[in-house]
Amino acid sequence: MYKRITDQVIKQINPQLFVERALRVEKNKLYVGVREYELDGNVSVIGFGKAALDMFIPIKRKLGRHIKRSYFSIPESSHVTMTTNSNTIDTSSNSSEVVARAARNNLPDENTLAITGDIIKYSESLSEGDLCICLISGGGSALLCDPVVPLPDMIDTIKLLTSHSATIQQLNTVRTYLCKVKGGGLARFISPATILSLIISDVIGDPINFIASGPTLPTKVTRDDVIRTLAELSVTPTQLPQSVQGLLHCEHSSVATCGNDIYNLIIASNKVALDIASRVSESEGYSPFIITDTLDGEARDVARELMECVAIPSEDKKYEHISPETGGKIRSALSSKHNNSGKRCLIFGGETTVTVQGEGLGGRCQEMALAAALILGQVDTSYKITFLATSTDGQDGPTDASGAVITQNTACQALQQGLDMGVFLEESDSYRFFRLLNGGDNQLKSGLTGTNLMDIIFIFIDL
């Protein structure tokens, strides 16, 4: 049943539907949010991210005759399933729809540089009467990149920061500093054309300057901002590649202003995913409680405290990794008489991080599930608890799993099967643990979904 719930949630996280709801076309006018745009064969589309092609389908269906050219940078692993008529992406050599597959392993590569170069060249040809629709989604930072340092140096910098558990905000601060198209850089190239950006957020709190590093939101990032970020991560400038060190010794900063009309609109976020999760869990007989969409921090620490708060509720307990508000909402949900139901589903969203401590393989969702299983195996409750964590993009870390599910029986099952949960956790080897446990039955594998609304954590409680 639990896997059925996640399957239904993932199925309903549909980028095409999000775009469809955001657009309205009447005669030769496009209405989006509070804006109105004239249509006269003047539309260009630039899409980058996991959901770029899916986002384009309703655009093409509604604006087809007004679109003169489109460019897309999508992950190398993306699967294109569009078919027939207005749902077709034409990738022939003479097509006006240019699709590039890039960013293997979620890092910019030579294909990224090539498509970004094509996008910049085309953007600079646009004029004041043009409307450029930018479709931005998860993975965009790696799929649109024109660095001011050699590409290998930028990649080494990203890897260094990632190894120090950098948050997406910290990573994208540095990325913006090192790249011409981030922090409003793309908008500068598109100027003086009008820009409409439709954004699917994969960042907690939906800050536009950090989603795909804010290519259409002018943002100034200075040397001091980068040095401050490095200090937060205990990284010294001397650990950086020479070209990046050199940049920190000059007065370089990212673009701060643009002269064109820009409208950035978030059309989907983790909150949307949690609402879907709430409806699906309710359809399965659970009383749903959305607790928070801002979970962050070290995956194992967050999972431990969530499990402690659920399995050993205490108003006096002080937590380091979940907020007092989150703890209060959990206790309130546990004591609620909502629908007089003994079946409750606590729903959390956000995105944690993993500090790799060994030679293992895993991701934040699987690590959360493993850490939760350790706690759950140490307590005795009068009610059944099931913990499930899943990524909405279908890829948890560098693995083919999307997450994992555990119950009170998991610790006992692991012991019987000769699997030491503590050792697997110490080695950051959650993927291999769940691959071995029960023949892999506890491991979730949704497949790549083509979008990213961060992670969803369910705690099912049967009183």
Protein backbone atom coordinates (compact mmCIF):
# COMPACT_ATOMS: atom_id res chain seq x y z
CA MET A 1 0.00 0.00 0.00
CA TYR A 2 2.77 2.46 0.91
CA LYS A 3 4.48 2.01 -2.44
CA ARG A 4 1.10 2.46 -4.12
CA ILE A 5 0.71 5.81 -2.36
CA THR A 6 4.10 7.05 -3.55
CA ASP A 7 3.43 5.81 -7.08
CA GLN A 8 0.17 7.79 -7.17
CA VAL A 9 1.85 10.92 -5.81
CA ILE A 10 4.67 10.78 -8.36
CA LYS A 11 2.16 10.21 -11.16
CA GLN A 12 0.27 13.39 -10.22
CA ILE A 13 3.37 15.59 -10.08
CA ASN A 14 2.88 16.61 -13.69
CA PRO A 15 4.83 19.57 -15.18
CA GLN A 16 2.48 19.74 -18.16
CA LEU A 17 -0.47 20.28 -15.84
CA PHE A 18 1.37 22.96 -13.85
CA VAL A 19 2.07 24.96 -17.03
CA GLU A 20 -1.43 24.37 -18.41
CA ARG A 21 -2.95 25.92 -15.29
CA ALA A 22 -0.65 28.95 -15.46
CA LEU A 23 -1.51 29.99 -19.04
CA ARG A 24 -4.57 31.45 -20.69
CA VAL A 25 -4.71 32.48 -24.34
CA GLU A 26 -7.49 34.60 -25.85
CA LYS A 27 -7.21 35.66 -29.47
CA ASN A 28 -3.70 37.11 -29.77
CA LYS A 29 -3.06 37.69 -26.10
CA LEU A 30 -1.37 35.55 -23.45
CA TYR A 31 -2.41 35.93 -19.82
CA VAL A 32 -0.11 34.65 -17.09
CA GLY A 33 -0.60 35.60 -13.47
CA VAL A 34 -1.02 39.38 -13.38
CA ARG A 35 0.61 39.87 -16.79
CA GLU A 36 -0.71 40.24 -20.33
CA TYR A 37 1.40 39.73 -23.46
CA GLU A 38 0.76 40.48 -27.14
CA LEU A 39 1.24 37.52 -29.48
CA ASP A 40 2.37 38.12 -33.06
CA GLY A 41 4.77 35.37 -34.08
CA ASN A 42 7.17 36.88 -31.59
CA VAL A 43 7.66 34.05 -29.07
CA SER A 44 10.92 32.24 -28.35
CA VAL A 45 11.27 29.49 -25.75
CA ILE A 46 14.37 28.58 -23.74
CA GLY A 47 14.02 25.60 -21.43
CA PHE A 48 16.58 24.01 -19.13
CA GLY A 49 16.07 21.45 -16.39
CA LYS A 50 14.57 18.02 -15.84
CA ALA A 51 11.06 19.16 -16.73
CA ALA A 52 11.91 21.42 -19.69
CA LEU A 53 10.33 19.34 -22.46
CA ASP A 54 7.23 18.44 -20.48
CA MET A 55 6.76 22.11 -19.63
CA PHE A 56 7.01 22.98 -23.32
CA ILE A 57 4.17 20.70 -24.45
CA PRO A 58 1.27 22.96 -23.31
CA ILE A 59 3.23 26.01 -24.48
CA LYS A 60 3.48 24.54 -27.95
CA ARG A 61 -0.15 23.46 -27.91
CA LYS A 62 -1.41 26.92 -27.01
CA LEU A 63 1.14 29.18 -28.71
CA GLY A 64 2.42 27.00 -31.55
CA ARG A 65 1.91 29.40 -34.46
CA HIS A 66 3.49 32.24 -32.52
CA ILE A 67 6.71 30.35 -31.62
CA LYS A 68 9.62 31.08 -33.92
CA ARG A 69 12.41 29.13 -32.19
CA SER A 70 13.02 27.01 -29.09
CA TYR A 71 16.10 25.73 -27.27
CA PHE A 72 16.22 23.03 -24.60
CA SER A 73 18.99 21.71 -22.38
CA ILE A 74 17.88 18.51 -20.67
CA PRO A 75 19.66 15.82 -18.61
CA GLU A 76 21.46 13.17 -20.59
CA SER A 77 19.35 10.53 -18.87
CA SER A 78 16.00 12.15 -19.80
CA HIS A 79 13.51 10.02 -21.66
CA VAL A 80 11.38 11.84 -24.25
CA THR A 81 7.96 10.23 -24.56
CA MET A 82 6.04 12.94 -26.41
CA THR A 83 4.20 11.83 -29.55
CA THR A 84 2.11 13.14 -32.44
CA ASN A 85 0.94 16.58 -33.48
CA SER A 86 1.25 19.40 -30.91
CA ASN A 87 2.79 16.94 -28.44
CA THR A 88 5.76 16.24 -30.71
CA ILE A 89 9.25 17.60 -30.04
CA ASP A 90 10.90 17.84 -33.46
CA THR A 91 14.62 17.08 -33.06
CA SER A 92 15.49 16.89 -36.78
CA SER A 93 18.52 18.85 -37.94
CA ASN A 94 16.49 21.61 -39.62
CA SER A 95 13.96 21.94 -36.80
CA SER A 96 13.22 25.18 -34.98
CA GLU A 97 13.24 23.12 -31.77
CA VAL A 98 16.80 22.48 -30.63
CA VAL A 99 17.22 19.82 -27.93
CA ALA A 100 20.56 19.04 -26.29
CA ARG A 101 21.26 16.32 -23.75
CA ALA A 102 23.87 17.39 -21.25
CA ALA A 103 25.12 17.41 -17.65
CA ARG A 104 25.97 13.77 -17.07
CA ASN A 105 26.04 13.11 -13.30
CA ASN A 106 24.34 16.46 -12.72
CA LEU A 107 27.51 18.41 -13.52
CA PRO A 108 28.04 20.79 -16.45
CA ASP A 109 29.92 19.24 -19.36
CA GLU A 110 30.99 20.10 -22.90
CA ASN A 111 27.43 19.54 -24.15
CA THR A 112 26.25 22.06 -21.56
CA LEU A 113 28.74 24.63 -22.82
CA ALA A 114 27.69 24.04 -26.43
CA ILE A 115 23.94 24.44 -25.91
CA THR A 116 24.49 27.40 -23.58
CA GLY A 117 26.60 29.04 -26.26
CA ASP A 118 23.82 28.51 -28.81
CA ILE A 119 21.26 29.96 -26.37
CA ILE A 120 23.41 33.03 -25.71
CA LYS A 121 23.97 33.65 -29.42
CA TYR A 122 20.26 33.37 -30.17
CA SER A 123 19.28 35.48 -27.15
CA GLU A 124 21.47 38.33 -28.33
CA SER A 125 19.52 38.41 -31.61
CA LEU A 126 16.18 39.14 -29.89
CA SER A 127 14.68 42.62 -30.06
CA GLU A 128 12.34 44.76 -28.00
CA GLY A 129 9.15 43.34 -29.51
CA ASP A 130 10.07 39.74 -28.73
CA LEU A 131 8.74 37.62 -25.87
CA CYS A 132 11.14 35.01 -24.51
CA ILE A 133 9.52 32.34 -22.35
CA CYS A 134 12.04 30.62 -20.07
CA LEU A 135 11.10 27.23 -18.63
CA ILE A 136 13.17 26.59 -15.50
CA SER A 137 13.21 23.43 -13.39
CA GLY A 138 15.41 21.21 -11.24
CA GLY A 139 18.91 20.55 -12.55
CA GLY A 140 19.00 23.89 -14.36
CA SER A 141 22.27 25.00 -12.77
CA ALA A 142 24.16 22.16 -14.45
CA LEU A 143 22.26 22.45 -17.74
CA LEU A 144 22.82 26.16 -18.39
CA CYS A 145 26.42 27.14 -17.74
CA ASP A 146 29.00 29.46 -19.29
CA PRO A 147 31.79 29.69 -16.69
CA VAL A 148 34.33 32.49 -16.42
CA VAL A 149 36.92 29.89 -15.36
CA PRO A 150 37.86 26.63 -17.13
CA LEU A 151 35.05 24.09 -16.89
CA PRO A 152 37.15 21.46 -15.04
CA ASP A 153 37.96 24.08 -12.38
CA MET A 154 34.30 24.92 -11.93
CA ILE A 155 33.45 21.22 -11.60
CA ASP A 156 36.24 20.68 -9.06
CA THR A 157 34.93 23.64 -7.05
CA ILE A 158 31.38 22.24 -7.04
CA LYS A 159 32.66 18.81 -5.96
CA LEU A 160 34.74 20.36 -3.16
CA LEU A 161 31.78 22.29 -1.77
CA THR A 162 29.51 19.26 -2.10
CA SER A 163 31.98 17.15 -0.11
CA HIS A 164 31.62 19.72 2.69
CA SER A 165 27.82 19.29 2.74
CA ALA A 166 27.11 22.58 0.99
CA THR A 167 23.43 23.52 0.79
CA ILE A 168 21.92 24.41 -2.56
CA GLN A 169 21.99 28.06 -1.47
CA GLN A 170 25.72 27.87 -0.79
CA LEU A 171 26.44 25.97 -4.00
CA ASN A 172 24.46 28.36 -6.14
CA THR A 173 26.03 31.43 -4.56
CA VAL A 174 29.41 30.20 -5.80
CA ARG A 175 28.00 28.98 -9.12
CA THR A 176 26.50 32.42 -9.75
CA TYR A 177 29.87 34.06 -9.10
CA LEU A 178 31.60 31.74 -11.54
CA CYS A 179 29.11 31.80 -14.41
CA LYS A 180 28.01 34.40 -16.96
CA VAL A 181 24.39 33.20 -17.32
CA LYS A 182 23.46 32.84 -13.64
CA GLY A 183 22.23 35.58 -11.30
CA GLY A 184 20.36 37.34 -14.10
CA GLY A 185 23.07 36.76 -16.70
CA LEU A 186 20.71 35.07 -19.15
CA ALA A 187 18.29 37.98 -18.81
CA ARG A 188 21.08 40.36 -19.76
CA PHE A 189 21.75 38.40 -22.96
CA ILE A 190 18.03 38.32 -23.80
CA SER A 191 17.62 42.08 -23.25
CA PRO A 192 15.87 44.14 -24.60
CA ALA A 193 13.27 41.41 -25.23
CA THR A 194 10.55 40.78 -22.64
CA ILE A 195 11.07 37.73 -20.39
CA LEU A 196 8.44 35.43 -18.89
CA SER A 197 9.96 32.73 -16.69
CA LEU A 198 7.81 29.80 -15.56
CA ILE A 199 9.61 28.12 -12.68
CA ILE A 200 9.26 24.76 -10.96
CA SER A 201 11.04 25.20 -7.65
CA ASP A 202 13.45 22.61 -6.24
CA VAL A 203 14.74 24.84 -3.43
CA ILE A 204 13.33 25.20 0.09
CA GLY A 205 11.39 28.45 0.46
CA ASP A 206 11.30 29.00 -3.33
CA PRO A 207 13.96 31.78 -3.53
CA ILE A 208 14.10 32.59 -7.24
CA ASN A 209 17.75 33.66 -7.10
CA PHE A 210 18.75 30.13 -6.03
CA ILE A 211 16.49 28.07 -8.35
CA ALA A 212 18.82 27.06 -11.20
CA SER A 213 21.00 29.90 -9.83
CA GLY A 214 18.48 32.56 -10.87
CA PRO A 215 19.32 33.09 -14.57
CA THR A 216 16.47 35.57 -15.07
CA LEU A 217 16.66 37.36 -11.73
CA PRO A 218 19.41 40.01 -11.63
CA THR A 219 21.41 39.26 -8.48
CA LYS A 220 24.77 40.65 -7.47
CA VAL A 221 27.16 38.13 -5.92
CA THR A 222 30.52 39.52 -4.85
CA ARG A 223 33.88 38.16 -3.79
CA ASP A 224 32.91 38.78 -0.16
CA ASP A 225 29.76 36.65 -0.59
CA VAL A 226 31.86 33.76 -1.89
CA ILE A 227 34.51 34.04 0.82
CA ARG A 228 31.76 34.12 3.46
CA THR A 229 30.22 30.98 1.95
CA LEU A 230 33.59 29.21 1.96
CA ALA A 231 34.08 30.12 5.63
CA GLU A 232 30.65 28.68 6.49
CA LEU A 233 31.80 25.37 4.99
CA SER A 234 35.29 25.47 6.57
CA VAL A 235 36.83 25.65 3.09
CA THR A 236 39.89 27.87 2.62
CA PRO A 237 40.44 29.70 -0.70
CA THR A 238 43.75 27.83 -1.11
CA GLN A 239 41.77 24.61 -1.54
CA LEU A 240 40.18 26.01 -4.71
CA PRO A 241 41.60 25.68 -8.24
CA GLN A 242 44.09 28.40 -9.17
CA SER A 243 41.71 30.09 -11.64
CA VAL A 244 39.01 30.43 -8.97
CA GLN A 245 41.55 31.74 -6.45
CA GLY A 246 42.61 34.33 -9.03
CA LEU A 247 39.03 35.45 -9.51
CA LEU A 248 38.73 36.07 -5.78
CA HIS A 249 41.68 38.45 -5.93
CA CYS A 250 39.98 40.79 -8.44
CA GLU A 251 36.84 42.93 -8.36
CA HIS A 252 34.71 40.44 -10.27
CA SER A 253 31.00 40.13 -9.37
CA SER A 254 27.93 38.68 -11.02
CA VAL A 255 25.49 40.85 -13.00
CA ALA A 256 23.32 43.09 -10.82
CA THR A 257 20.90 44.85 -13.17
CA CYS A 258 19.04 44.36 -16.46
CA GLY A 259 16.99 46.81 -18.48
CA ASN A 260 14.27 44.52 -19.85
CA ASP A 261 10.82 43.61 -18.51
CA ILE A 262 11.08 40.36 -16.51
CA TYR A 263 8.31 38.36 -14.84
CA ASN A 264 9.41 35.34 -12.79
CA LEU A 265 6.51 33.08 -11.75
CA ILE A 266 6.77 29.94 -9.63
CA ILE A 267 4.15 27.49 -10.90
CA ALA A 268 4.98 24.49 -8.67
CA SER A 269 6.97 23.77 -5.52
CA ASN A 270 7.34 21.25 -2.72
CA LYS A 271 4.12 22.62 -1.19
CA VAL A 272 2.27 21.41 -4.29
CA ALA A 273 3.81 17.95 -3.90
CA LEU A 274 2.79 17.80 -0.24
CA ASP A 275 -0.79 18.78 -1.10
CA ILE A 276 -0.89 15.93 -3.61
CA ALA A 277 0.57 13.55 -1.00
CA SER A 278 -2.09 14.65 1.46
CA ARG A 279 -4.94 13.93 -0.95
CA VAL A 280 -3.55 10.53 -1.95
CA SER A 281 -2.93 9.37 1.63
CA GLU A 282 -6.44 10.48 2.57
CA SER A 283 -7.85 8.40 -0.31
CA GLU A 284 -6.10 5.41 1.28
CA GLY A 285 -7.90 5.92 4.58
CA TYR A 286 -5.36 8.03 6.47
CA SER A 287 -5.99 11.38 8.15
CA PRO A 288 -3.22 13.51 6.62
CA PHE A 289 -1.24 16.19 8.47
CA ILE A 290 1.20 18.34 6.50
CA ILE A 291 3.84 19.20 9.10
CA THR A 292 6.44 21.26 7.20
CA ASP A 293 7.96 21.84 3.77
CA THR A 294 11.28 23.15 5.14
CA LEU A 295 13.14 20.05 6.36
CA ASP A 296 16.87 20.50 5.92
CA GLY A 297 20.11 19.59 7.65
CA GLU A 298 21.99 16.31 7.94
CA ALA A 299 19.70 13.50 6.74
CA ARG A 300 20.48 11.01 9.51
CA ASP A 301 20.12 13.61 12.28
CA VAL A 302 16.80 14.90 10.98
CA ALA A 303 15.42 11.36 10.60
CA ARG A 304 16.50 10.35 14.11
CA GLU A 305 14.79 13.32 15.70
CA LEU A 306 11.62 12.91 13.65
CA MET A 307 11.44 9.30 14.75
CA GLU A 308 12.11 10.18 18.39
CA CYS A 309 9.43 12.86 18.30
CA VAL A 310 6.88 10.39 16.90
CA ALA A 311 7.83 7.27 18.88
CA ILE A 312 8.71 8.99 22.18
CA PRO A 313 6.63 12.22 22.19
CA SER A 314 7.65 14.70 24.89
CA GLU A 315 6.88 18.39 25.28
CA ASP A 316 10.09 18.84 27.31
CA LYS A 317 12.46 17.34 24.74
CA LYS A 318 14.71 19.86 22.98
CA TYR A 319 15.72 19.00 19.43
CA GLU A 320 18.74 20.28 17.52
CA HIS A 321 17.74 19.36 13.99
CA ILE A 322 13.98 19.91 13.82
CA SER A 323 12.30 23.15 14.82
CA PRO A 324 10.07 23.60 17.88
CA GLU A 325 7.22 24.34 15.47
CA THR A 326 7.76 21.01 13.69
CA GLY A 327 7.87 19.16 17.00
CA GLY A 328 4.70 20.88 18.17
CA LYS A 329 2.84 19.99 14.98
CA ILE A 330 3.88 16.36 15.30
CA ARG A 331 2.57 16.16 18.88
CA SER A 332 -0.64 17.89 17.84
CA ALA A 333 -1.18 15.42 14.99
CA LEU A 334 -0.61 12.46 17.31
CA SER A 335 -3.21 13.71 19.78
CA SER A 336 -5.70 14.89 17.15
CA LYS A 337 -9.22 13.50 17.04
CA HIS A 338 -9.46 14.37 13.34
CA ASN A 339 -12.12 12.19 11.69
CA ASN A 340 -11.88 9.93 14.77
CA SER A 341 -9.35 8.00 12.72
CA GLY A 342 -6.72 5.74 14.19
CA LYS A 343 -4.78 5.98 10.92
CA ARG A 344 -2.68 9.11 10.57
CA CYS A 345 -0.16 10.21 8.00
CA LEU A 346 2.39 12.88 8.90
CA ILE A 347 3.82 14.49 5.77
CA PHE A 348 7.09 16.41 5.54
CA GLY A 349 8.92 18.07 2.67
CA GLY A 350 12.24 19.72 1.96
CA GLU A 351 15.71 18.50 1.16
CA THR A 352 18.33 17.25 3.58
CA THR A 353 22.03 16.68 2.90
CA VAL A 354 24.43 13.78 3.41
CA THR A 355 28.00 14.14 4.60
CA VAL A 356 29.65 11.07 3.12
CA GLN A 357 31.61 9.31 5.86
CA GLY A 358 32.76 6.12 4.16
CA GLU A 359 33.07 4.36 0.84
CA GLY A 360 29.40 3.51 0.58
CA LEU A 361 26.66 4.39 -1.86
CA GLY A 362 23.37 6.05 -1.04
CA GLY A 363 21.24 9.17 -1.00
CA ARG A 364 19.51 11.40 1.52
CA CYS A 365 16.15 9.58 1.42
CA GLN A 366 17.65 6.12 1.88
CA GLU A 367 19.93 7.45 4.60
CA MET A 368 16.96 8.98 6.41
CA ALA A 369 15.10 5.66 6.25
CA LEU A 370 18.12 3.75 7.57
CA ALA A 371 18.63 6.20 10.45
CA ALA A 372 14.90 6.05 11.26
CA ALA A 373 15.03 2.24 11.34
CA LEU A 374 17.83 2.35 13.91
CA ILE A 375 15.75 4.53 16.25
CA LEU A 376 12.54 2.61 15.67
CA GLY A 377 14.29 -0.64 16.50
CA GLN A 378 15.25 0.71 19.93
CA VAL A 379 11.80 1.76 21.15
CA ASP A 380 8.60 -0.06 21.99
CA THR A 381 5.38 1.69 20.96
CA SER A 382 1.77 0.69 21.26
CA TYR A 383 1.08 1.71 17.67
CA LYS A 384 2.44 0.75 14.27
CA ILE A 385 4.85 3.21 12.63
CA THR A 386 5.99 3.17 9.01
CA PHE A 387 8.58 5.65 7.72
CA LEU A 388 8.93 6.33 3.99
CA ALA A 389 11.20 8.86 2.27
CA THR A 390 11.24 9.45 -1.47
CA SER A 391 12.71 11.91 -3.93
CA THR A 392 10.29 13.37 -6.46
CA ASP A 393 12.81 13.24 -9.29
CA GLY A 394 13.20 9.48 -8.95
CA GLN A 395 16.91 9.56 -8.18
CA ASP A 396 18.15 9.50 -4.60
CA GLY A 397 21.82 10.45 -4.75
CA PRO A 398 23.93 8.73 -7.43
CA THR A 399 21.70 5.64 -7.39
CA ASP A 400 18.79 4.13 -9.33
CA ALA A 401 16.60 4.18 -6.21
CA SER A 402 14.20 6.97 -5.30
CA GLY A 403 14.02 6.21 -1.57
CA ALA A 404 13.12 3.54 0.97
CA VAL A 405 10.45 2.44 3.44
CA ILE A 406 10.97 0.94 6.91
CA THR A 407 8.79 -0.35 9.76
CA GLN A 408 9.24 -1.46 13.35
CA ASN A 409 10.20 -4.88 11.99
CA THR A 410 13.11 -3.59 9.90
CA ALA A 411 15.75 -3.72 12.66
CA CYS A 412 14.83 -7.31 13.53
CA GLN A 413 14.79 -8.34 9.87
CA ALA A 414 18.22 -6.79 9.33
CA LEU A 415 19.62 -8.67 12.33
CA GLN A 416 18.20 -11.96 11.11
CA GLN A 417 19.74 -11.37 7.69
CA GLY A 418 23.18 -10.49 9.10
CA LEU A 419 22.98 -6.80 8.17
CA ASP A 420 24.47 -4.41 10.74
CA MET A 421 22.48 -1.19 10.28
CA GLY A 422 24.98 0.84 12.32
CA VAL A 423 27.89 -0.17 10.12
CA PHE A 424 25.98 0.59 6.91
CA LEU A 425 25.06 4.02 8.28
CA GLU A 426 28.64 4.75 9.36
CA GLU A 427 29.79 3.96 5.83
CA SER A 428 27.05 6.10 4.21
CA ASP A 429 26.03 2.85 2.48
CA SER A 430 22.24 3.06 2.65
CA TYR A 431 21.72 1.99 -0.98
CA ARG A 432 23.49 -1.33 -0.51
CA PHE A 433 21.71 -1.92 2.79
CA PHE A 434 18.26 -1.60 1.22
CA ARG A 435 19.32 -3.56 -1.85
CA LEU A 436 20.20 -6.48 0.44
CA LEU A 437 17.38 -6.17 2.98
CA ASN A 438 14.44 -8.45 2.16
CA GLY A 439 15.73 -8.88 -1.39
CA GLY A 440 15.32 -5.16 -2.06
CA ASP A 441 11.61 -5.03 -1.20
CA ASN A 442 12.09 -1.97 1.03
CA GLN A 443 13.84 0.02 -1.66
CA LEU A 444 11.75 2.38 -3.81
CA LYS A 445 12.48 2.64 -7.53
CA SER A 446 10.06 4.95 -9.31
CA GLY A 447 12.36 5.61 -12.26
CA LEU A 448 13.27 9.10 -13.41
CA THR A 449 10.20 11.32 -13.25
CA GLY A 450 11.32 14.26 -15.38
CA THR A 451 10.84 16.85 -12.66
CA ASN A 452 11.98 17.72 -9.14
CA LEU A 453 9.93 19.13 -6.26
CA MET A 454 12.46 17.98 -3.67
CA ASP A 455 11.67 15.17 -1.23
CA ILE A 456 8.57 13.85 0.53
CA ILE A 457 8.69 12.03 3.85
CA PHE A 458 5.70 10.08 5.14
CA ILE A 459 5.27 8.75 8.65
CA PHE A 460 2.24 6.46 8.71
CA ILE A 461 0.79 5.78 12.15
CA ASP A 462 -1.78 3.08 12.90
CA LEU A 463 -3.04 3.56 16.45
